[in-house]
Amino acid sequence: MPSRTMSIVVLLWPLVWPLQPAHAELRILASPGGPVVPYVQLFEAVRKSGERVIIDGPCFSACTLVLSIVPENRVCATRRAVLGFHAARLLDGRGRLHAEPRATRIVLETYPEAVQQWIRRRGGLASRLLLLRGRELVAIVPACR
């Protein structure tokens, strides 16, 4: 099977995923998140493929599920990487966001223990965005080589 590079650049919501064939890796350049299901499907496919994930820019909200789904030894972060975490929310039929405490607990429990601890030290998942970057990030997610 030929290897490939997949660069994720989410331009609009819903998701837009430009793909570039090359090496066996998925490169996240910019992702503001969005609906969880497409991210879970993508990262499950990457996990099954054996591909590596390079976080090379903002990876917010549902994008952070990469840490829950792809094995830790196949995820790395560049100096441009920033992970953004917040509580789970549901968009109702009228376009209003509602907190989802049960989903928030479930998502938090799926992250690696080091990520869970980092989030808890910052007061837990809430509506505000928690940003993990720089030295704190590479202490949890290995730097890409």
Foldseek 3Di string as FASTA:
>chain_A
DAAAEWEADADDPPGDTDGGGDHQEYEYADDQDDDQVVLLVVLQVSQVVVGAYEDEAEQEDSSVCNQLRHDLVRYAYAQRYKYKAAFDWDQDPVRDIDGDVVVRVVSLVSHPPLVNVVQVVVPHHHHDIDIQHDPRVCVPRPHDD
